[in-house]
Amino acid sequence: MGKKQYDDDDGRTIADMNIDGMPWYVQGDENRAPAGEGEHYQMSKEESRAYTWAALKAALLVAVIFGVVFFLFIAFADFIWLN
């Protein structure tokens, strides 16, 4: 029984699952790079700005949702609950 071949597989390891003590552990696998060594990707300024802007928008969305929920709770407590 061989491994399946996929068209988009380039052979890189994204997350090494070869963990000592697990049933599938392979001693001395030559195909994998040592931890910490591998290809490093340097983002361009445009990509860095895009990621920063997306993270900022996500954080602001969460903050606005929490603010609206807090405001609604205060309004509920003031006008209905404590009346």
N, C-alpha and C. Protein backbone atom coordinates (compact mmCIF):
# COMPACT_ATOMS: atom_id res chain seq x y z
N MET A 1 0.85 -1.17 0.00
CA MET A 1 0.00 0.00 0.00
C MET A 1 0.90 1.23 0.00
N GLY A 2 0.88 2.00 -1.05
CA GLY A 2 1.73 3.17 -1.18
C GLY A 2 1.00 4.44 -0.78
N LYS A 3 1.76 5.52 -0.72
CA LYS A 3 1.18 6.81 -0.39
C LYS A 3 0.42 7.36 -1.59
N LYS A 4 -0.64 8.10 -1.30
CA LYS A 4 -1.39 8.76 -2.36
C LYS A 4 -0.58 9.94 -2.88
N GLN A 5 -0.64 10.18 -4.16
CA GLN A 5 0.03 11.31 -4.77
C GLN A 5 -1.01 12.37 -5.12
N TYR A 6 -0.76 13.59 -4.67
CA TYR A 6 -1.66 14.70 -4.96
C TYR A 6 -0.96 15.68 -5.89
N ASP A 7 -1.75 16.32 -6.74
CA ASP A 7 -1.19 17.25 -7.72
C ASP A 7 -0.55 18.47 -7.07
N ASP A 8 -1.13 18.95 -5.95
CA ASP A 8 -0.64 20.18 -5.34
C ASP A 8 0.38 19.92 -4.23
N ASP A 9 0.84 18.70 -4.05
CA ASP A 9 1.81 18.37 -3.02
C ASP A 9 3.22 18.60 -3.54
N ASP A 10 3.97 19.49 -2.87
CA ASP A 10 5.34 19.75 -3.29
C ASP A 10 6.36 19.08 -2.37
N GLY A 11 5.91 18.30 -1.39
CA GLY A 11 6.81 17.53 -0.55
C GLY A 11 7.26 18.21 0.72
N ARG A 12 6.89 19.48 0.94
CA ARG A 12 7.30 20.18 2.15
C ARG A 12 6.49 19.71 3.35
N THR A 13 7.12 19.73 4.51
CA THR A 13 6.45 19.39 5.75
C THR A 13 5.99 20.68 6.42
N ILE A 14 4.69 20.80 6.66
CA ILE A 14 4.14 21.98 7.30
C ILE A 14 4.24 21.83 8.82
N ALA A 15 3.80 20.71 9.35
CA ALA A 15 3.87 20.44 10.78
C ALA A 15 4.37 19.02 10.97
N ASP A 16 5.50 18.87 11.62
CA ASP A 16 6.09 17.56 11.83
C ASP A 16 5.32 16.81 12.91
N MET A 17 4.73 15.68 12.55
CA MET A 17 3.94 14.89 13.49
C MET A 17 4.71 13.66 13.98
N ASN A 18 6.01 13.61 13.72
CA ASN A 18 6.84 12.51 14.15
C ASN A 18 7.28 12.77 15.59
N ILE A 19 6.48 12.35 16.55
CA ILE A 19 6.69 12.65 17.96
C ILE A 19 7.13 11.39 18.68
N ASP A 20 8.20 11.50 19.45
CA ASP A 20 8.72 10.36 20.20
C ASP A 20 7.65 9.82 21.15
N GLY A 21 7.43 8.51 21.11
CA GLY A 21 6.46 7.87 21.98
C GLY A 21 5.14 7.56 21.31
N MET A 22 4.89 8.13 20.15
CA MET A 22 3.65 7.87 19.43
C MET A 22 3.82 6.60 18.58
N PRO A 23 2.71 5.91 18.30
CA PRO A 23 2.81 4.65 17.55
C PRO A 23 3.40 4.81 16.16
N TRP A 24 3.26 5.97 15.54
CA TRP A 24 3.74 6.18 14.18
C TRP A 24 5.15 6.77 14.14
N TYR A 25 5.84 6.86 15.29
CA TYR A 25 7.17 7.47 15.36
C TYR A 25 8.16 6.69 14.50
N VAL A 26 8.93 7.43 13.68
CA VAL A 26 9.95 6.82 12.82
C VAL A 26 11.30 7.35 13.29
N GLN A 27 12.17 6.45 13.72
CA GLN A 27 13.50 6.81 14.21
C GLN A 27 14.38 7.23 13.05
N GLY A 28 14.97 8.43 13.12
CA GLY A 28 15.95 8.87 12.12
C GLY A 28 15.39 9.05 10.73
N ASP A 29 14.32 9.78 10.59
CA ASP A 29 13.75 10.04 9.28
C ASP A 29 14.63 11.05 8.54
N GLU A 30 15.24 10.64 7.42
CA GLU A 30 16.18 11.49 6.70
C GLU A 30 15.49 12.56 5.88
N ASN A 31 14.20 12.43 5.63
CA ASN A 31 13.50 13.35 4.75
C ASN A 31 13.11 14.66 5.42
N ARG A 32 13.26 14.74 6.72
CA ARG A 32 12.82 15.96 7.38
C ARG A 32 14.02 16.79 7.83
N ALA A 33 13.81 18.09 7.84
CA ALA A 33 14.86 19.02 8.26
C ALA A 33 14.85 19.14 9.77
N PRO A 34 16.00 19.43 10.38
CA PRO A 34 16.02 19.64 11.83
C PRO A 34 15.13 20.81 12.23
N ALA A 35 14.66 20.77 13.47
CA ALA A 35 13.75 21.83 13.95
C ALA A 35 14.45 23.18 13.87
N GLY A 36 13.70 24.17 13.42
CA GLY A 36 14.24 25.53 13.34
C GLY A 36 14.91 25.84 12.02
N GLU A 37 15.14 24.84 11.19
CA GLU A 37 15.76 25.08 9.90
C GLU A 37 14.73 24.87 8.81
N GLY A 38 14.72 25.73 7.86
CA GLY A 38 13.77 25.60 6.77
C GLY A 38 13.72 26.89 5.99
N GLU A 39 12.74 26.96 5.12
CA GLU A 39 12.58 28.14 4.30
C GLU A 39 11.92 29.24 5.12
N HIS A 40 12.47 30.43 5.05
CA HIS A 40 11.88 31.58 5.73
C HIS A 40 11.32 32.51 4.67
N TYR A 41 10.12 32.97 4.91
CA TYR A 41 9.45 33.83 3.95
C TYR A 41 9.47 35.26 4.48
N GLN A 42 9.98 36.17 3.70
CA GLN A 42 10.04 37.58 4.06
C GLN A 42 8.88 38.29 3.37
N MET A 43 7.98 38.89 4.18
CA MET A 43 6.85 39.60 3.60
C MET A 43 7.29 40.95 3.05
N SER A 44 6.61 41.37 2.00
CA SER A 44 6.87 42.70 1.47
C SER A 44 6.14 43.72 2.34
N LYS A 45 6.42 45.00 2.12
CA LYS A 45 5.77 46.05 2.89
C LYS A 45 4.26 46.05 2.66
N GLU A 46 3.85 45.79 1.42
CA GLU A 46 2.42 45.77 1.11
C GLU A 46 1.72 44.63 1.84
N GLU A 47 2.35 43.46 1.85
CA GLU A 47 1.76 42.32 2.56
C GLU A 47 1.72 42.57 4.06
N SER A 48 2.77 43.16 4.59
CA SER A 48 2.81 43.47 6.01
C SER A 48 1.71 44.46 6.38
N ARG A 49 1.53 45.48 5.56
CA ARG A 49 0.46 46.45 5.82
C ARG A 49 -0.91 45.79 5.72
N ALA A 50 -1.09 44.90 4.76
CA ALA A 50 -2.37 44.22 4.59
C ALA A 50 -2.68 43.35 5.81
N TYR A 51 -1.71 42.60 6.31
CA TYR A 51 -1.93 41.77 7.49
C TYR A 51 -2.20 42.63 8.72
N THR A 52 -1.47 43.73 8.87
CA THR A 52 -1.68 44.61 10.01
C THR A 52 -3.05 45.25 9.96
N TRP A 53 -3.48 45.71 8.79
CA TRP A 53 -4.78 46.33 8.63
C TRP A 53 -5.90 45.32 8.90
N ALA A 54 -5.75 44.08 8.43
CA ALA A 54 -6.76 43.05 8.67
C ALA A 54 -6.85 42.72 10.17
N ALA A 55 -5.71 42.64 10.85
CA ALA A 55 -5.73 42.37 12.28
C ALA A 55 -6.36 43.52 13.06
N LEU A 56 -6.08 44.75 12.64
CA LEU A 56 -6.67 45.92 13.28
C LEU A 56 -8.18 45.94 13.09
N LYS A 57 -8.65 45.64 11.87
CA LYS A 57 -10.09 45.60 11.63
C LYS A 57 -10.76 44.52 12.47
N ALA A 58 -10.13 43.36 12.59
CA ALA A 58 -10.71 42.28 13.40
C ALA A 58 -10.78 42.68 14.87
N ALA A 59 -9.73 43.32 15.38
CA ALA A 59 -9.73 43.75 16.78
C ALA A 59 -10.77 44.83 17.03
N LEU A 60 -10.90 45.76 16.10
CA LEU A 60 -11.91 46.81 16.24
C LEU A 60 -13.32 46.24 16.17
N LEU A 61 -13.55 45.26 15.34
CA LEU A 61 -14.85 44.62 15.27
C LEU A 61 -15.21 43.96 16.60
N VAL A 62 -14.27 43.25 17.18
CA VAL A 62 -14.51 42.61 18.48
C VAL A 62 -14.76 43.67 19.55
N ALA A 63 -14.00 44.76 19.55
CA ALA A 63 -14.18 45.82 20.53
C ALA A 63 -15.55 46.49 20.38
N VAL A 64 -15.98 46.71 19.14
CA VAL A 64 -17.30 47.33 18.91
C VAL A 64 -18.41 46.39 19.40
N ILE A 65 -18.27 45.12 19.13
CA ILE A 65 -19.29 44.16 19.59
C ILE A 65 -19.37 44.15 21.10
N PHE A 66 -18.23 44.10 21.78
CA PHE A 66 -18.23 44.14 23.25
C PHE A 66 -18.82 45.45 23.75
N GLY A 67 -18.51 46.57 23.10
CA GLY A 67 -19.05 47.86 23.51
C GLY A 67 -20.56 47.92 23.37
N VAL A 68 -21.08 47.42 22.25
CA VAL A 68 -22.53 47.41 22.03
C VAL A 68 -23.23 46.52 23.06
N VAL A 69 -22.67 45.36 23.32
CA VAL A 69 -23.26 44.46 24.32
C VAL A 69 -23.23 45.12 25.70
N PHE A 70 -22.14 45.77 26.05
CA PHE A 70 -22.05 46.46 27.33
C PHE A 70 -23.08 47.58 27.42
N PHE A 71 -23.22 48.38 26.35
CA PHE A 71 -24.20 49.46 26.32
C PHE A 71 -25.62 48.92 26.46
N LEU A 72 -25.93 47.83 25.75
CA LEU A 72 -27.26 47.25 25.85
C LEU A 72 -27.54 46.71 27.25
N PHE A 73 -26.53 46.12 27.90
CA PHE A 73 -26.72 45.64 29.26
C PHE A 73 -26.98 46.80 30.22
N ILE A 74 -26.23 47.88 30.09
CA ILE A 74 -26.44 49.05 30.96
C ILE A 74 -27.82 49.64 30.71
N ALA A 75 -28.24 49.75 29.44
CA ALA A 75 -29.57 50.27 29.12
C ALA A 75 -30.65 49.37 29.69
N PHE A 76 -30.48 48.06 29.55
CA PHE A 76 -31.45 47.11 30.10
C PHE A 76 -31.52 47.23 31.62
N ALA A 77 -30.37 47.31 32.27
CA ALA A 77 -30.34 47.40 33.73
C ALA A 77 -30.95 48.71 34.21
N ASP A 78 -30.71 49.79 33.49
CA ASP A 78 -31.20 51.10 33.92
C ASP A 78 -32.70 51.25 33.71
N PHE A 79 -33.19 50.88 32.52
CA PHE A 79 -34.58 51.15 32.18
C PHE A 79 -35.56 50.05 32.57
N ILE A 80 -35.13 48.82 32.61
CA ILE A 80 -36.09 47.72 32.85
C ILE A 80 -35.83 47.04 34.20
N TRP A 81 -34.63 46.62 34.44
CA TRP A 81 -34.33 45.78 35.59
C TRP A 81 -34.42 46.58 36.89
N LEU A 82 -33.85 47.76 36.96
CA LEU A 82 -33.79 48.54 38.19
C LEU A 82 -34.94 49.53 38.32
N ASN A 83 -35.96 49.41 37.51
CA ASN A 83 -37.08 50.34 37.55
C ASN A 83 -38.13 49.89 38.53
